[in-house]
Amino acid sequence: MTRFVFNTAATLDGYLADRDHSLSWLFEVDGGTPDAPEHADHFSAFLEGIGVTVLGSSTYEWLLRETGALKDPAAWTSAISTKPAFLFTSRDLPTPPGADLTVVSGDVTRHLDAIRDRAGDRDVWVMGGGDLVGQFADAGALDEIQISVAPVTLGAGQPLLPRRLGADRLHLTSVEQRGQFAHLTYRVGG
C-alpha cells in the first residue's frame, strides 16, 4: 500500500529553510548532506522505497537554483533521482529538459489518485515545503514524518509544518542518532 512520507531535515527550533528559502544552514553542519556517511545508507534505503516525489514551488525553485538543472538536465536526476515528480504550483515555472515532472495546481485531494497511480506499490516522498506537507496532512494523506533535527537554530524562517497536528495524531516510532543529527520518525494518524 502506498504511503505518503515527509522526510526532511529541520533546525532545532523547527525551521526547514531560512527567511530566503535557503538551506545553506544545513550544509554548514558536519554530515549535513544525504551522502554523508551517517545518512547515506539510510537515505539510499529510503529512496529505494519511493515511487514518486511531490514538491512545492519554493522547494522546486531552490533545487533549480542549487543544481543548475535548467542548463544541466543530468543535475535534475542527481537531485531528485530518475523517479517521477509532481510539482504543485500556481505559477508557470520552467522545467528541466527530459524531467519526468507533472505540474499540477489546486487542492491536493484532486491529485491523490494520479500520484498513487504513478507511485505504483512504492511510497510517495512529500519533499516539501512545509505548507504543502500541511495540505497533505489536512487531506488525511500523510502517513509518516521523518525529521533529521540539526544542531542549528535560525530564530526565523520557513516552518517545518505550519499546521497544528496534535499528539493524538502523531505517534513516535523511532529515534536514532545519526552523527550530529537526531532522526525522529512519527506515524501520522487520522
C-alpha atoms as a PDB file:
ATOM      1  CA  MET A   1       0.000   0.000   0.000  1.00  0.00           C
ATOM      2  CA  THR A   2       1.313   3.427  -0.966  1.00  0.00           C
ATOM      3  CA  ARG A   3       2.293   5.663   1.941  1.00  0.00           C
ATOM      4  CA  PHE A   4       2.851   9.427   1.865  1.00  0.00           C
ATOM      5  CA  VAL A   5       6.076  10.210   3.749  1.00  0.00           C
ATOM      6  CA  PHE A   6       7.549  13.601   4.669  1.00  0.00           C
ATOM      7  CA  ASN A   7      11.310  13.115   5.046  1.00  0.00           C
ATOM      8  CA  THR A   8      13.287  16.256   5.758  1.00  0.00           C
ATOM      9  CA  ALA A   9      15.927  17.980   7.834  1.00  0.00           C
ATOM     10  CA  ALA A  10      14.977  20.775  10.205  1.00  0.00           C
ATOM     11  CA  THR A  11      16.699  23.068  12.650  1.00  0.00           C
ATOM     12  CA  LEU A  12      16.450  22.553  16.387  1.00  0.00           C
ATOM     13  CA  ASP A  13      13.956  25.435  16.514  1.00  0.00           C
ATOM     14  CA  GLY A  14      11.745  23.923  13.815  1.00  0.00           C
ATOM     15  CA  TYR A  15      12.640  25.556  10.507  1.00  0.00           C
ATOM     16  CA  LEU A  16      13.133  23.920   7.105  1.00  0.00           C
ATOM     17  CA  ALA A  17      14.780  26.918   5.488  1.00  0.00           C
ATOM     18  CA  ASP A  18      15.802  30.426   6.378  1.00  0.00           C
ATOM     19  CA  ARG A  19      13.791  33.544   5.513  1.00  0.00           C
ATOM     20  CA  ASP A  20      15.194  33.477   1.960  1.00  0.00           C
ATOM     21  CA  HIS A  21      14.156  29.809   1.474  1.00  0.00           C
ATOM     22  CA  SER A  22      17.815  28.782   1.646  1.00  0.00           C
ATOM     23  CA  LEU A  23      19.125  25.519   3.076  1.00  0.00           C
ATOM     24  CA  SER A  24      22.677  26.809   3.408  1.00  0.00           C
ATOM     25  CA  TRP A  25      22.415  26.275   7.189  1.00  0.00           C
ATOM     26  CA  LEU A  26      22.086  22.507   6.574  1.00  0.00           C
ATOM     27  CA  PHE A  27      25.259  22.211   4.523  1.00  0.00           C
ATOM     28  CA  GLU A  28      27.223  24.010   7.239  1.00  0.00           C
ATOM     29  CA  VAL A  29      26.519  21.124   9.650  1.00  0.00           C
ATOM     30  CA  ASP A  30      29.052  18.313   9.682  1.00  0.00           C
ATOM     31  CA  GLY A  31      27.280  15.445   7.896  1.00  0.00           C
ATOM     32  CA  GLY A  32      24.535  17.715   6.515  1.00  0.00           C
ATOM     33  CA  THR A  33      24.163  16.029   3.123  1.00  0.00           C
ATOM     34  CA  PRO A  34      22.299  12.815   2.229  1.00  0.00           C
ATOM     35  CA  ASP A  35      25.550  11.239   1.010  1.00  0.00           C
ATOM     36  CA  ALA A  36      27.353  11.843   4.320  1.00  0.00           C
ATOM     37  CA  PRO A  37      28.392   8.510   5.893  1.00  0.00           C
ATOM     38  CA  GLU A  38      25.897   8.804   8.758  1.00  0.00           C
ATOM     39  CA  HIS A  39      22.998   9.262   6.312  1.00  0.00           C
ATOM     40  CA  ALA A  40      23.983   7.562   3.060  1.00  0.00           C
ATOM     41  CA  ASP A  41      22.742   4.020   3.759  1.00  0.00           C
ATOM     42  CA  HIS A  42      19.527   5.246   5.391  1.00  0.00           C
ATOM     43  CA  PHE A  43      18.806   7.694   2.584  1.00  0.00           C
ATOM     44  CA  SER A  44      19.566   5.137  -0.145  1.00  0.00           C
ATOM     45  CA  ALA A  45      17.182   2.670   1.511  1.00  0.00           C
ATOM     46  CA  PHE A  46      14.546   5.400   1.781  1.00  0.00           C
ATOM     47  CA  LEU A  47      14.892   6.291  -1.920  1.00  0.00           C
ATOM     48  CA  GLU A  48      14.605   2.618  -2.915  1.00  0.00           C
ATOM     49  CA  GLY A  49      11.085   2.588  -1.478  1.00  0.00           C
ATOM     50  CA  ILE A  50       9.994   5.797  -3.219  1.00  0.00           C
ATOM     51  CA  GLY A  51       7.980   5.727  -6.447  1.00  0.00           C
ATOM     52  CA  VAL A  52       7.127   9.439  -6.745  1.00  0.00           C
ATOM     53  CA  THR A  53       8.345  12.716  -5.287  1.00  0.00           C
ATOM     54  CA  VAL A  54       5.987  15.625  -4.590  1.00  0.00           C
ATOM     55  CA  LEU A  55       7.242  19.152  -4.075  1.00  0.00           C
ATOM     56  CA  GLY A  56       6.037  22.729  -3.905  1.00  0.00           C
ATOM     57  CA  SER A  57       7.254  25.698  -5.904  1.00  0.00           C
ATOM     58  CA  SER A  58       9.677  27.153  -3.313  1.00  0.00           C
ATOM     59  CA  THR A  59      11.438  23.814  -2.871  1.00  0.00           C
ATOM     60  CA  TYR A  60      11.456  23.325  -6.636  1.00  0.00           C
ATOM     61  CA  GLU A  61      12.902  26.771  -7.345  1.00  0.00           C
ATOM     62  CA  TRP A  62      15.584  26.229  -4.707  1.00  0.00           C
ATOM     63  CA  LEU A  63      16.521  22.914  -6.360  1.00  0.00           C
ATOM     64  CA  LEU A  64      16.728  24.565  -9.773  1.00  0.00           C
ATOM     65  CA  ARG A  65      18.992  27.324  -8.414  1.00  0.00           C
ATOM     66  CA  GLU A  66      21.242  24.995  -6.437  1.00  0.00           C
ATOM     67  CA  THR A  67      21.637  22.294  -9.084  1.00  0.00           C
ATOM     68  CA  GLY A  68      21.591  24.356 -12.279  1.00  0.00           C
ATOM     69  CA  ALA A  69      19.221  21.715 -13.697  1.00  0.00           C
ATOM     70  CA  LEU A  70      17.784  24.023 -16.360  1.00  0.00           C
ATOM     71  CA  LYS A  71      21.213  24.175 -18.021  1.00  0.00           C
ATOM     72  CA  ASP A  72      22.329  20.676 -16.991  1.00  0.00           C
ATOM     73  CA  PRO A  73      19.390  18.229 -17.095  1.00  0.00           C
ATOM     74  CA  ALA A  74      21.539  15.486 -15.541  1.00  0.00           C
ATOM     75  CA  ALA A  75      21.627  17.607 -12.378  1.00  0.00           C
ATOM     76  CA  TRP A  76      17.859  17.116 -12.026  1.00  0.00           C
ATOM     77  CA  THR A  77      18.181  13.335 -11.832  1.00  0.00           C
ATOM     78  CA  SER A  78      21.065  13.707  -9.374  1.00  0.00           C
ATOM     79  CA  ALA A  79      18.895  15.889  -7.134  1.00  0.00           C
ATOM     80  CA  ILE A  80      15.531  14.098  -7.473  1.00  0.00           C
ATOM     81  CA  SER A  81      16.512  10.714  -8.979  1.00  0.00           C
ATOM     82  CA  THR A  82      15.016   9.273 -12.138  1.00  0.00           C
ATOM     83  CA  LYS A  83      11.657   8.793 -10.465  1.00  0.00           C
ATOM     84  CA  PRO A  84       8.638  10.841 -11.497  1.00  0.00           C
ATOM     85  CA  ALA A  85       7.814  14.017  -9.611  1.00  0.00           C
ATOM     86  CA  PHE A  86       4.723  16.154  -9.144  1.00  0.00           C
ATOM     87  CA  LEU A  87       5.182  19.910  -8.774  1.00  0.00           C
ATOM     88  CA  PHE A  88       2.394  21.811  -7.035  1.00  0.00           C
ATOM     89  CA  THR A  89       2.408  25.433  -8.189  1.00  0.00           C
ATOM     90  CA  SER A  90       0.051  28.147  -9.324  1.00  0.00           C
ATOM     91  CA  ARG A  91       2.794  29.760 -11.431  1.00  0.00           C
ATOM     92  CA  ASP A  92       4.284  28.994 -14.818  1.00  0.00           C
ATOM     93  CA  LEU A  93       7.759  27.679 -13.960  1.00  0.00           C
ATOM     94  CA  PRO A  94      10.447  26.344 -16.298  1.00  0.00           C
ATOM     95  CA  THR A  95      11.168  22.611 -16.253  1.00  0.00           C
ATOM     96  CA  PRO A  96      14.465  20.822 -16.904  1.00  0.00           C
ATOM     97  CA  PRO A  97      14.588  19.149 -20.325  1.00  0.00           C
ATOM     98  CA  GLY A  98      13.641  15.485 -20.074  1.00  0.00           C
ATOM     99  CA  ALA A  99      12.484  15.667 -16.449  1.00  0.00           C
ATOM    100  CA  ASP A 100       9.593  13.347 -15.586  1.00  0.00           C
ATOM    101  CA  LEU A 101       7.732  16.203 -13.941  1.00  0.00           C
ATOM    102  CA  THR A 102       3.970  16.639 -13.793  1.00  0.00           C
ATOM    103  CA  VAL A 103       2.945  20.205 -12.972  1.00  0.00           C
ATOM    104  CA  VAL A 104      -0.333  20.488 -11.057  1.00  0.00           C
ATOM    105  CA  SER A 105      -2.205  23.136  -9.085  1.00  0.00           C
ATOM    106  CA  GLY A 106      -5.113  23.379  -6.717  1.00  0.00           C
ATOM    107  CA  ASP A 107      -6.310  21.164  -3.916  1.00  0.00           C
ATOM    108  CA  VAL A 108      -4.041  18.166  -3.258  1.00  0.00           C
ATOM    109  CA  THR A 109      -7.077  15.874  -2.952  1.00  0.00           C
ATOM    110  CA  ARG A 110      -7.746  16.339  -6.690  1.00  0.00           C
ATOM    111  CA  HIS A 111      -4.358  14.784  -7.478  1.00  0.00           C
ATOM    112  CA  LEU A 112      -4.056  11.985  -4.916  1.00  0.00           C
ATOM    113  CA  ASP A 113      -5.238   9.221  -7.263  1.00  0.00           C
ATOM    114  CA  ALA A 114      -2.816  10.258 -10.012  1.00  0.00           C
ATOM    115  CA  ILE A 115       0.065  10.424  -7.524  1.00  0.00           C
ATOM    116  CA  ARG A 116      -0.780   6.987  -6.115  1.00  0.00           C
ATOM    117  CA  ASP A 117      -1.056   5.549  -9.643  1.00  0.00           C
ATOM    118  CA  ARG A 118       2.406   6.851 -10.579  1.00  0.00           C
ATOM    119  CA  ALA A 119       3.886   5.553  -7.307  1.00  0.00           C
ATOM    120  CA  GLY A 120       2.638   2.033  -8.003  1.00  0.00           C
ATOM    121  CA  ASP A 121       3.400  -0.149  -5.000  1.00  0.00           C
ATOM    122  CA  ARG A 122       6.009   2.281  -3.648  1.00  0.00           C
ATOM    123  CA  ASP A 123       5.796   5.256  -1.300  1.00  0.00           C
ATOM    124  CA  VAL A 124       5.406   8.937  -2.121  1.00  0.00           C
ATOM    125  CA  TRP A 125       8.064  11.316  -0.818  1.00  0.00           C
ATOM    126  CA  VAL A 126       6.326  14.562   0.054  1.00  0.00           C
ATOM    127  CA  MET A 127       9.543  16.562  -0.127  1.00  0.00           C
ATOM    128  CA  GLY A 128       8.110  19.912   0.906  1.00  0.00           C
ATOM    129  CA  GLY A 129       7.811  22.641   1.709  1.00  0.00           C
ATOM    130  CA  GLY A 130       6.026  22.656   4.974  1.00  0.00           C
ATOM    131  CA  ASP A 131       2.821  24.252   3.718  1.00  0.00           C
ATOM    132  CA  LEU A 132       2.407  21.612   1.008  1.00  0.00           C
ATOM    133  CA  VAL A 133       3.031  18.870   3.567  1.00  0.00           C
ATOM    134  CA  GLY A 134       0.391  20.527   5.730  1.00  0.00           C
ATOM    135  CA  GLN A 135      -2.083  20.332   2.872  1.00  0.00           C
ATOM    136  CA  PHE A 136      -1.467  16.576   2.609  1.00  0.00           C
ATOM    137  CA  ALA A 137      -1.964  16.271   6.372  1.00  0.00           C
ATOM    138  CA  ASP A 138      -5.210  18.281   6.153  1.00  0.00           C
ATOM    139  CA  ALA A 139      -6.399  15.888   3.424  1.00  0.00           C
ATOM    140  CA  GLY A 140      -5.635  12.844   5.589  1.00  0.00           C
ATOM    141  CA  ALA A 141      -2.926  11.830   3.105  1.00  0.00           C
ATOM    142  CA  LEU A 142       0.184  11.989   5.269  1.00  0.00           C
ATOM    143  CA  ASP A 143       1.243   8.685   6.803  1.00  0.00           C
ATOM    144  CA  GLU A 144       4.707   9.321   8.217  1.00  0.00           C
ATOM    145  CA  ILE A 145       7.023  12.172   9.155  1.00  0.00           C
ATOM    146  CA  GLN A 146      10.779  11.605   9.277  1.00  0.00           C
ATOM    147  CA  ILE A 147      12.802  14.530  10.610  1.00  0.00           C
ATOM    148  CA  SER A 148      16.558  14.784  10.938  1.00  0.00           C
ATOM    149  CA  VAL A 149      16.977  17.518  13.544  1.00  0.00           C
ATOM    150  CA  ALA A 150      20.173  19.513  13.054  1.00  0.00           C
ATOM    151  CA  PRO A 151      22.158  21.291  15.783  1.00  0.00           C
ATOM    152  CA  VAL A 152      21.315  24.721  14.373  1.00  0.00           C
ATOM    153  CA  THR A 153      18.853  27.440  15.336  1.00  0.00           C
ATOM    154  CA  LEU A 154      17.716  30.145  12.921  1.00  0.00           C
ATOM    155  CA  GLY A 155      15.278  32.162  15.016  1.00  0.00           C
ATOM    156  CA  ALA A 156      13.042  32.665  11.981  1.00  0.00           C
ATOM    157  CA  GLY A 157      12.413  31.158   8.592  1.00  0.00           C
ATOM    158  CA  GLN A 158      10.177  28.643   6.830  1.00  0.00           C
ATOM    159  CA  PRO A 159       8.489  26.474   9.479  1.00  0.00           C
ATOM    160  CA  LEU A 160       8.715  22.703   9.464  1.00  0.00           C
ATOM    161  CA  LEU A 161       4.960  22.226   9.345  1.00  0.00           C
ATOM    162  CA  PRO A 162       2.777  25.335   9.606  1.00  0.00           C
ATOM    163  CA  ARG A 163      -0.220  23.347  10.866  1.00  0.00           C
ATOM    164  CA  ARG A 164      -1.361  22.106  14.189  1.00  0.00           C
ATOM    165  CA  LEU A 165      -1.070  18.339  14.463  1.00  0.00           C
ATOM    166  CA  GLY A 166      -1.925  17.211  17.966  1.00  0.00           C
ATOM    167  CA  ALA A 167      -0.364  14.418  19.982  1.00  0.00           C
ATOM    168  CA  ASP A 168      -3.439  12.324  19.179  1.00  0.00           C
ATOM    169  CA  ARG A 169      -2.266  12.215  15.514  1.00  0.00           C
ATOM    170  CA  LEU A 170       1.499  11.839  15.949  1.00  0.00           C
ATOM    171  CA  HIS A 171       2.985   8.609  17.292  1.00  0.00           C
ATOM    172  CA  LEU A 172       6.753   8.364  17.763  1.00  0.00           C
ATOM    173  CA  THR A 173       8.004   5.106  16.256  1.00  0.00           C
ATOM    174  CA  SER A 174      11.794   5.554  16.290  1.00  0.00           C
ATOM    175  CA  VAL A 175      14.638   7.764  17.452  1.00  0.00           C
ATOM    176  CA  GLU A 176      18.183   7.432  16.094  1.00  0.00           C
ATOM    177  CA  GLN A 177      21.377   9.392  16.417  1.00  0.00           C
ATOM    178  CA  ARG A 178      22.961   9.946  13.009  1.00  0.00           C
ATOM    179  CA  GLY A 179      26.157  11.858  13.638  1.00  0.00           C
ATOM    180  CA  GLN A 180      25.175  15.365  14.729  1.00  0.00           C
ATOM    181  CA  PHE A 181      21.508  14.728  13.844  1.00  0.00           C
ATOM    182  CA  ALA A 182      18.625  13.243  15.816  1.00  0.00           C
ATOM    183  CA  HIS A 183      16.436  11.321  13.366  1.00  0.00           C
ATOM    184  CA  LEU A 184      12.812  11.083  14.535  1.00  0.00           C
ATOM    185  CA  THR A 185      10.079   9.047  12.860  1.00  0.00           C
ATOM    186  CA  TYR A 186       6.386   9.630  13.584  1.00  0.00           C
ATOM    187  CA  ARG A 187       3.389   7.723  12.280  1.00  0.00           C
ATOM    188  CA  VAL A 188       0.587  10.147  11.451  1.00  0.00           C
ATOM    189  CA  GLY A 189      -2.907   9.044  12.433  1.00  0.00           C
ATOM    190  CA  GLY A 190      -6.290  10.286  11.235  1.00  0.00           C
END
